[in-house]
Amino acid sequence: MSLWQLEHPDMIDNILYGVALRNNMYLLTLDLEFRNFLKKHNLKYNMLITHQELFGKIERQDYKSY
C-alpha cells in the first residue's frame, strides 16, 4: 500500500521516502509528523535522520578515516 493510499498528503515526502527505502539511503528530515505517520502505520522509519544525527555520523566517519 502506498503512502498516498494511507492518506499522507505530502507527495514530496512520499517520493523521497520511496527513493530512500528502495535505495537503502538516509532521508534527512525534521518532519516529526511524517515520522509519527510512518510509526502509526508500522512502516520502516529508521532511515529518517535529523541534521544532528547526520552530523554525528559524519564525525564518526571522520574518526574512522584516521
Protein backbone atom coordinates (compact mmCIF):
# COMPACT_ATOMS: atom_id res chain seq x y z
CA MET A 1 0.00 0.00 0.00
CA SER A 2 1.35 3.44 -0.87
CA LEU A 3 1.69 6.39 1.47
CA TRP A 4 -0.82 8.23 -0.70
CA GLN A 5 -3.35 5.42 -0.19
CA LEU A 6 -2.72 5.71 3.54
CA GLU A 7 -3.70 9.37 3.12
CA HIS A 8 -0.34 11.00 3.63
CA PRO A 9 -0.83 14.30 1.78
CA ASP A 10 2.76 15.40 1.12
CA MET A 11 3.80 13.94 -2.23
CA ILE A 12 7.39 15.18 -1.86
CA ASP A 13 7.76 13.24 1.40
CA ASN A 14 6.16 10.23 -0.27
CA ILE A 15 8.56 10.31 -3.21
CA LEU A 16 11.66 10.91 -1.10
CA TYR A 17 10.65 8.14 1.29
CA GLY A 18 10.19 5.70 -1.58
CA VAL A 19 13.58 6.59 -3.07
CA ALA A 20 15.33 6.29 0.30
CA LEU A 21 13.63 2.99 1.09
CA ARG A 22 14.34 1.43 -2.30
CA ASN A 23 17.98 2.56 -2.40
CA ASN A 24 18.82 1.93 1.26
CA MET A 25 19.56 5.61 1.85
CA TYR A 26 19.03 8.04 4.69
CA LEU A 27 16.28 10.64 4.41
CA LEU A 28 17.17 13.92 6.09
CA THR A 29 14.07 15.46 7.66
CA LEU A 30 12.87 17.38 10.67
CA ASP A 31 9.26 16.42 10.00
CA LEU A 32 8.13 14.67 13.18
CA GLU A 33 4.59 14.36 11.85
CA PHE A 34 5.90 12.28 8.95
CA ARG A 35 7.92 10.08 11.31
CA ASN A 36 4.86 9.60 13.52
CA PHE A 37 2.72 8.81 10.47
CA LEU A 38 5.14 6.06 9.48
CA LYS A 39 5.20 4.68 13.03
CA LYS A 40 1.41 4.73 13.21
CA HIS A 41 1.19 2.63 10.05
CA ASN A 42 4.00 0.27 11.09
CA LEU A 43 6.23 1.38 8.23
CA LYS A 44 10.01 1.49 8.28
CA TYR A 45 11.24 4.83 9.58
CA ASN A 46 14.77 4.17 10.86
CA MET A 47 16.25 5.72 7.71
CA LEU A 48 14.81 9.11 8.67
CA ILE A 49 17.50 11.17 10.33
CA THR A 50 17.77 14.72 11.61
CA HIS A 51 20.62 17.05 10.79
CA GLN A 52 22.05 16.40 14.26
CA GLU A 53 22.11 12.65 13.62
CA LEU A 54 23.76 13.29 10.25
CA PHE A 55 26.46 15.43 11.84
CA GLY A 56 27.11 12.65 14.35
CA LYS A 57 27.52 10.12 11.55
CA ILE A 58 29.91 12.44 9.72
CA GLU A 59 32.01 12.98 12.84
CA ARG A 60 32.23 9.24 13.49
CA GLN A 61 33.19 8.67 9.86
CA ASP A 62 35.97 11.27 10.14
CA TYR A 63 37.46 9.42 13.10
CA LYS A 64 37.40 6.12 11.20
CA SER A 65 39.43 7.57 8.34
CA TYR A 66 42.48 8.30 10.52
